[in-house]
């Protein structure tokens, strides 16, 4: 997965078929180091990137990949599809990554991905939410078995995104990105035994509130009070639910608007006033204040 993130990066890398030194160059562009034996390496890959979000499917011949740190608080999730690989982290025993397993790499983790045979995997990168703050501060990669229905769902979703003609510059991509990120989060939570308790009223309200924020962040009139009213709960109760998840509704609204603003800037939309209006901030001053925080 791409190493140090660049919040203004966005684009697609489709139907990549490379052989020899070009394979090393492709990984180098992702700020990764690929090494192999005597035989010329081969690579087949597809990738889509938008700021802190990235999704990829990668097949390559035997070799090692220094994954690099993600930076910026981003989690990376590897879903091993084909053959057995290992994650080797400094000072720790190698972690076996058989087909069907899931590896979760915190932002500061920098393991070596090693495969002695041709290998395939799905990679997903997204910003770690406050619910996973403890994991985001860790430096140790962790591997889990496939015992979660989200494995197949995430693989199918990423494949659908990569098979489509969608690009980060197209309208609607932010909704597609949010769906993939939420599924990635659900996968990680299921691996760790569920930081949320499915079926509880608080967990359901939190998920509903986050979905409403993702959908309506571009509305300048969306505030914590408005959100609580539309969800038919008191502001105090909504605040308590978000506090239990280590965040606030106000911060999540601001974060969603910042994501929209960055997407508009990436697309080259002219002028801070235009971006501020389209992303829900309402004024360039509010947008600047949010960017400076």
Protein backbone atom coordinates (compact mmCIF):
# COMPACT_ATOMS: atom_id res chain seq x y z
CA UNK A 1 0.00 0.00 0.00
CA UNK A 2 1.14 3.46 -0.79
CA UNK A 3 3.52 4.83 1.83
CA UNK A 4 3.57 8.46 3.01
CA UNK A 5 0.32 9.92 1.84
CA UNK A 6 -0.15 13.06 -0.20
CA UNK A 7 -3.51 14.67 0.53
CA UNK A 8 -3.67 16.25 -2.92
CA UNK A 9 -2.94 13.03 -4.80
CA UNK A 10 -5.77 11.54 -6.81
CA UNK A 11 -5.95 9.31 -9.81
CA UNK A 12 -6.16 5.83 -11.32
CA UNK A 13 -3.61 3.27 -12.38
CA UNK A 14 -5.55 0.77 -14.53
CA UNK A 15 -4.58 -2.50 -16.14
CA UNK A 16 -0.93 -2.22 -15.17
CA UNK A 17 1.15 -4.99 -16.75
CA UNK A 18 4.88 -4.66 -16.14
CA UNK A 19 8.03 -6.76 -16.32
CA UNK A 20 11.62 -6.27 -15.22
CA UNK A 21 12.91 -2.91 -13.91
CA UNK A 22 9.54 -1.25 -14.57
CA UNK A 23 8.13 -3.30 -11.65
CA UNK A 24 10.67 -1.73 -9.29
CA UNK A 25 9.80 1.71 -10.66
CA UNK A 26 6.07 1.17 -10.08
CA UNK A 27 6.60 0.30 -6.43
CA UNK A 28 9.06 3.20 -6.06
CA UNK A 29 6.31 5.61 -7.18
CA UNK A 30 4.29 4.30 -4.25
CA UNK A 31 7.27 5.03 -1.97
CA UNK A 32 7.90 1.31 -1.56
CA UNK A 33 10.96 -0.83 -2.23
CA UNK A 34 10.51 -4.06 -4.19
CA UNK A 35 13.27 -6.67 -4.31
CA UNK A 36 13.36 -10.02 -6.05
CA UNK A 37 15.71 -12.81 -7.08
CA UNK A 38 17.43 -13.42 -10.39
CA UNK A 39 14.30 -13.88 -12.52
CA UNK A 40 12.76 -10.68 -13.97
CA UNK A 41 9.73 -9.74 -11.83
CA UNK A 42 6.23 -9.39 -13.24
CA UNK A 43 3.34 -7.26 -12.00
CA UNK A 44 -0.39 -6.95 -12.70
CA UNK A 45 -2.15 -4.18 -10.79
CA UNK A 46 -5.06 -1.76 -10.60
CA UNK A 47 -5.21 1.15 -8.15
CA UNK A 48 -7.35 4.18 -7.37
CA UNK A 49 -6.18 6.94 -5.02
CA UNK A 50 -7.89 9.99 -3.58
CA UNK A 51 -6.16 11.77 -0.70
CA UNK A 52 -6.03 9.47 2.33
CA UNK A 53 -8.06 6.80 0.52
CA UNK A 54 -6.60 4.14 -1.76
CA UNK A 55 -7.78 0.78 -3.05
CA UNK A 56 -5.67 -1.64 -5.08
CA UNK A 57 -5.40 -5.21 -6.27
CA UNK A 58 -1.91 -6.46 -6.91
CA UNK A 59 -0.38 -9.65 -8.30
CA UNK A 60 3.37 -10.01 -8.54
CA UNK A 61 5.99 -12.71 -8.72
CA UNK A 62 8.04 -13.76 -5.70
CA UNK A 63 9.78 -10.95 -3.89
CA UNK A 64 9.71 -8.60 -0.94
CA UNK A 65 8.02 -5.21 -0.56
CA UNK A 66 9.01 -2.72 2.10
CA UNK A 67 5.56 -1.30 2.79
CA UNK A 68 6.63 2.01 4.31
CA UNK A 69 4.77 4.01 6.94
CA UNK A 70 1.47 5.52 5.83
CA UNK A 71 1.72 8.75 7.80
CA UNK A 72 -1.25 11.02 8.40
CA UNK A 73 -3.07 8.55 10.67
CA UNK A 74 -4.02 6.17 7.86
CA UNK A 75 -4.75 2.48 8.40
CA UNK A 76 -3.79 -0.05 5.73
CA UNK A 77 -5.62 -3.33 5.33
CA UNK A 78 -4.20 -6.21 3.27
CA UNK A 79 -6.53 -9.04 2.20
CA UNK A 80 -4.41 -11.95 1.04
CA UNK A 81 -5.95 -13.62 -2.01
CA UNK A 82 -3.36 -16.01 -3.41
CA UNK A 83 -0.45 -18.00 -1.85
CA UNK A 84 1.22 -17.63 1.53
CA UNK A 85 3.17 -14.48 2.40
CA UNK A 86 4.82 -13.21 5.59
CA UNK A 87 5.00 -9.86 7.33
CA UNK A 88 8.37 -9.27 8.92
CA UNK A 89 8.59 -6.42 11.44
CA UNK A 90 11.75 -5.35 13.23
CA UNK A 91 12.23 -7.20 16.50
CA UNK A 92 9.17 -9.42 16.03
CA UNK A 93 8.61 -12.95 14.80
CA UNK A 94 7.36 -13.13 11.18
CA UNK A 95 3.58 -13.20 10.82
CA UNK A 96 2.21 -15.76 8.37
CA UNK A 97 -0.31 -14.35 5.92
CA UNK A 98 -2.06 -17.30 4.20
CA UNK A 99 -4.67 -16.89 1.49
CA UNK A 100 -7.90 -15.68 3.06
CA UNK A 101 -6.22 -13.81 5.92
CA UNK A 102 -6.32 -10.11 6.79
CA UNK A 103 -3.44 -7.91 7.90
CA UNK A 104 -4.06 -4.58 9.62
CA UNK A 105 -1.13 -2.15 9.45
CA UNK A 106 -1.23 0.89 11.78
CA UNK A 107 0.15 4.17 10.38
CA UNK A 108 3.57 3.73 12.00
CA UNK A 109 3.97 0.07 11.07
CA UNK A 110 6.70 -0.55 8.48
CA UNK A 111 6.81 -4.33 7.93
CA UNK A 112 8.42 -6.21 5.08
CA UNK A 113 5.92 -8.12 2.92
CA UNK A 114 7.66 -11.28 1.74
CA UNK A 115 6.39 -13.90 -0.72
CA UNK A 116 8.39 -16.87 -2.02
CA UNK A 117 5.81 -17.60 -4.74
CA UNK A 118 3.61 -15.44 -7.00
CA UNK A 119 1.12 -13.69 -4.77
CA UNK A 120 -2.08 -11.64 -5.01
CA UNK A 121 -3.75 -9.31 -2.52
CA UNK A 122 -6.31 -6.54 -2.13
CA UNK A 123 -5.10 -3.38 -0.38
CA UNK A 124 -7.24 -0.70 1.24
CA UNK A 125 -6.07 2.50 2.92
CA UNK A 126 -8.22 4.98 4.82
CA UNK A 127 -7.98 7.46 7.66
CA UNK A 128 -8.28 5.84 11.09
CA UNK A 129 -11.39 7.18 12.85
CA UNK A 130 -11.39 8.06 16.57
CA UNK A 131 -12.93 4.66 17.35
CA UNK A 132 -9.57 3.11 16.42
CA UNK A 133 -7.30 5.70 18.06
CA UNK A 134 -5.54 3.06 20.16
CA UNK A 135 -4.79 0.95 17.10
CA UNK A 136 -3.64 3.99 15.16
CA UNK A 137 -1.03 4.69 17.83
CA UNK A 138 0.37 1.16 17.64
CA UNK A 139 3.37 0.16 15.55
CA UNK A 140 2.66 -3.58 15.34
CA UNK A 141 0.96 -5.16 12.32
CA UNK A 142 -1.67 -7.78 13.16
CA UNK A 143 -2.97 -10.72 11.15
CA UNK A 144 -6.44 -12.27 11.40
CA UNK A 145 -8.17 -15.24 9.84
CA UNK A 146 -11.00 -14.91 7.36
CA UNK A 147 -13.67 -15.56 10.04
CA UNK A 148 -15.72 -12.50 9.07
CA UNK A 149 -18.33 -11.98 6.34
CA UNK A 150 -16.77 -8.60 5.63
CA UNK A 151 -13.78 -10.24 3.90
CA UNK A 152 -15.84 -11.26 0.86
CA UNK A 153 -17.83 -8.01 0.94
CA UNK A 154 -14.71 -5.82 0.93
CA UNK A 155 -13.07 -7.89 -1.84
CA UNK A 156 -16.22 -7.65 -3.97
CA UNK A 157 -16.54 -3.90 -3.33
CA UNK A 158 -12.92 -3.11 -4.17
CA UNK A 159 -13.11 -5.25 -7.31
CA UNK A 160 -16.29 -3.44 -8.35
CA UNK A 161 -14.66 -0.05 -7.85
CA UNK A 162 -11.54 -1.05 -9.79
CA UNK A 163 -13.57 -2.66 -12.59
CA UNK A 164 -15.66 0.47 -13.06
CA UNK A 165 -14.85 3.57 -15.10
CA UNK A 166 -15.19 5.74 -11.99
CA UNK A 167 -12.38 8.19 -11.24
CA UNK A 168 -11.83 10.49 -8.23
CA UNK A 169 -12.74 13.54 -10.32
CA UNK A 170 -16.23 12.30 -11.15
CA UNK A 171 -19.36 13.38 -9.25
CA UNK A 172 -20.46 10.70 -6.84
CA UNK A 173 -16.99 9.33 -6.20
CA UNK A 174 -17.01 10.70 -2.64
CA UNK A 175 -20.06 8.53 -1.89
CA UNK A 176 -18.35 5.48 -3.36
CA UNK A 177 -15.25 6.24 -1.35
CA UNK A 178 -17.26 6.62 1.88
CA UNK A 179 -18.92 3.25 1.29
CA UNK A 180 -15.56 1.53 0.78
CA UNK A 181 -14.07 3.23 3.84
CA UNK A 182 -17.04 2.25 6.02
CA UNK A 183 -16.77 -1.37 4.86
CA UNK A 184 -13.04 -1.30 5.58
CA UNK A 185 -13.75 0.02 9.05
CA UNK A 186 -16.39 -2.69 9.60
CA UNK A 187 -13.85 -5.31 8.53
CA UNK A 188 -11.23 -4.02 10.98
CA UNK A 189 -13.74 -3.80 13.84
CA UNK A 190 -14.91 -7.35 13.15
CA UNK A 191 -11.30 -8.55 13.26
CA UNK A 192 -10.80 -7.00 16.69
CA UNK A 193 -13.99 -8.43 18.09
CA UNK A 194 -16.13 -5.35 17.45
CA UNK A 195 -15.33 -2.02 19.08
CA UNK A 196 -19.00 -1.31 18.49
CA UNK A 197 -21.77 -3.54 19.76
CA UNK A 198 -24.01 -4.31 16.79
CA UNK A 199 -27.70 -4.09 17.49
CA UNK A 200 -27.45 -1.59 20.35
CA UNK A 201 -29.40 1.63 20.00
CA UNK A 202 -26.26 3.74 20.53
CA UNK A 203 -24.28 1.89 17.85
CA UNK A 204 -27.18 2.11 15.39
CA UNK A 205 -27.60 5.83 16.10
CA UNK A 206 -23.87 6.46 15.62
CA UNK A 207 -23.84 4.66 12.27
CA UNK A 208 -26.98 6.50 11.16
CA UNK A 209 -25.56 9.86 12.23
CA UNK A 210 -22.28 9.24 10.40
CA UNK A 211 -24.16 8.23 7.25
CA UNK A 212 -26.28 11.40 7.50
CA UNK A 213 -23.14 13.53 7.94
CA UNK A 214 -21.49 11.90 4.90
CA UNK A 215 -24.62 12.57 2.87
CA UNK A 216 -25.44 16.11 4.02
CA UNK A 217 -22.10 17.68 4.96
CA UNK A 218 -22.34 19.98 1.93
CA UNK A 219 -25.43 21.64 3.43
CA UNK A 220 -24.23 24.78 5.27
CA UNK A 221 -27.26 24.59 7.54
CA UNK A 222 -26.20 21.18 8.91
CA UNK A 223 -25.24 21.68 12.57
CA UNK A 224 -25.21 19.43 15.60
CA UNK A 225 -28.62 20.81 16.58
CA UNK A 226 -30.05 20.16 13.12
CA UNK A 227 -28.55 16.67 13.04
CA UNK A 228 -30.06 15.80 16.42
CA UNK A 229 -33.47 17.12 15.36
CA UNK A 230 -33.42 15.16 12.09
CA UNK A 231 -32.48 11.99 14.00
CA UNK A 232 -35.25 12.65 16.55
CA UNK A 233 -32.94 12.64 19.57
CA UNK A 234 -31.75 15.29 21.99
CA UNK A 235 -28.47 17.06 21.40
CA UNK A 236 -27.28 15.83 24.81
CA UNK A 237 -27.92 12.20 23.90
CA UNK A 238 -26.26 12.61 20.49
CA UNK A 239 -23.23 14.18 22.18
CA UNK A 240 -22.99 11.26 24.59
CA UNK A 241 -23.09 8.73 21.74
CA UNK A 242 -20.29 10.48 19.84
CA UNK A 243 -18.26 10.90 23.03
CA UNK A 244 -18.44 7.13 23.57
CA UNK A 245 -16.81 6.77 20.15
CA UNK A 246 -14.03 9.21 21.02
CA UNK A 247 -15.24 12.07 18.85
CA UNK A 248 -17.91 14.77 18.50
CA UNK A 249 -20.60 15.36 15.91
CA UNK A 250 -19.15 18.83 15.26
CA UNK A 251 -15.71 17.39 14.50
CA UNK A 252 -17.17 14.74 12.18
CA UNK A 253 -19.15 17.36 10.25
CA UNK A 254 -16.00 19.46 9.89
CA UNK A 255 -13.97 16.41 8.81
CA UNK A 256 -16.56 15.47 6.16
CA UNK A 257 -16.59 19.03 4.82
CA UNK A 258 -12.79 19.12 4.69
CA UNK A 259 -12.83 15.89 2.69
CA UNK A 260 -15.27 17.45 0.22
CA UNK A 261 -13.21 20.64 0.01
CA UNK A 262 -10.02 18.71 -0.75
CA UNK A 263 -11.82 16.77 -3.47
CA UNK A 264 -12.99 20.02 -5.09
CA UNK A 265 -9.47 21.46 -4.89
CA UNK A 266 -8.09 18.25 -6.41
CA UNK A 267 -10.50 18.62 -9.33
CA UNK A 268 -9.23 22.15 -9.92
CA UNK A 269 -12.44 23.95 -8.97
CA UNK A 270 -11.49 27.61 -8.97
CA UNK A 271 -11.64 29.86 -5.97
CA UNK A 272 -11.92 29.39 -2.22
CA UNK A 273 -15.39 30.96 -2.21
CA UNK A 274 -16.69 28.37 -4.67
CA UNK A 275 -15.11 25.46 -2.77
CA UNK A 276 -16.35 26.81 0.58
CA UNK A 277 -19.91 27.02 -0.75
CA UNK A 278 -19.87 23.58 -2.39
CA UNK A 279 -18.33 21.83 0.63
CA UNK A 280 -20.72 23.27 3.21
CA UNK A 281 -18.45 25.75 4.99
CA UNK A 282 -20.42 28.68 3.59
CA UNK A 283 -17.55 31.17 3.57
CA UNK A 284 -13.84 31.19 2.70
CA UNK A 285 -13.03 32.31 6.24
CA UNK A 286 -14.67 29.23 7.78
CA UNK A 287 -12.89 27.04 5.24
CA UNK A 288 -9.50 28.62 6.06
CA UNK A 289 -10.14 28.25 9.79
CA UNK A 290 -10.92 24.55 9.33
CA UNK A 291 -7.83 24.00 7.18
CA UNK A 292 -5.64 25.76 9.76
CA UNK A 293 -6.85 23.66 12.71
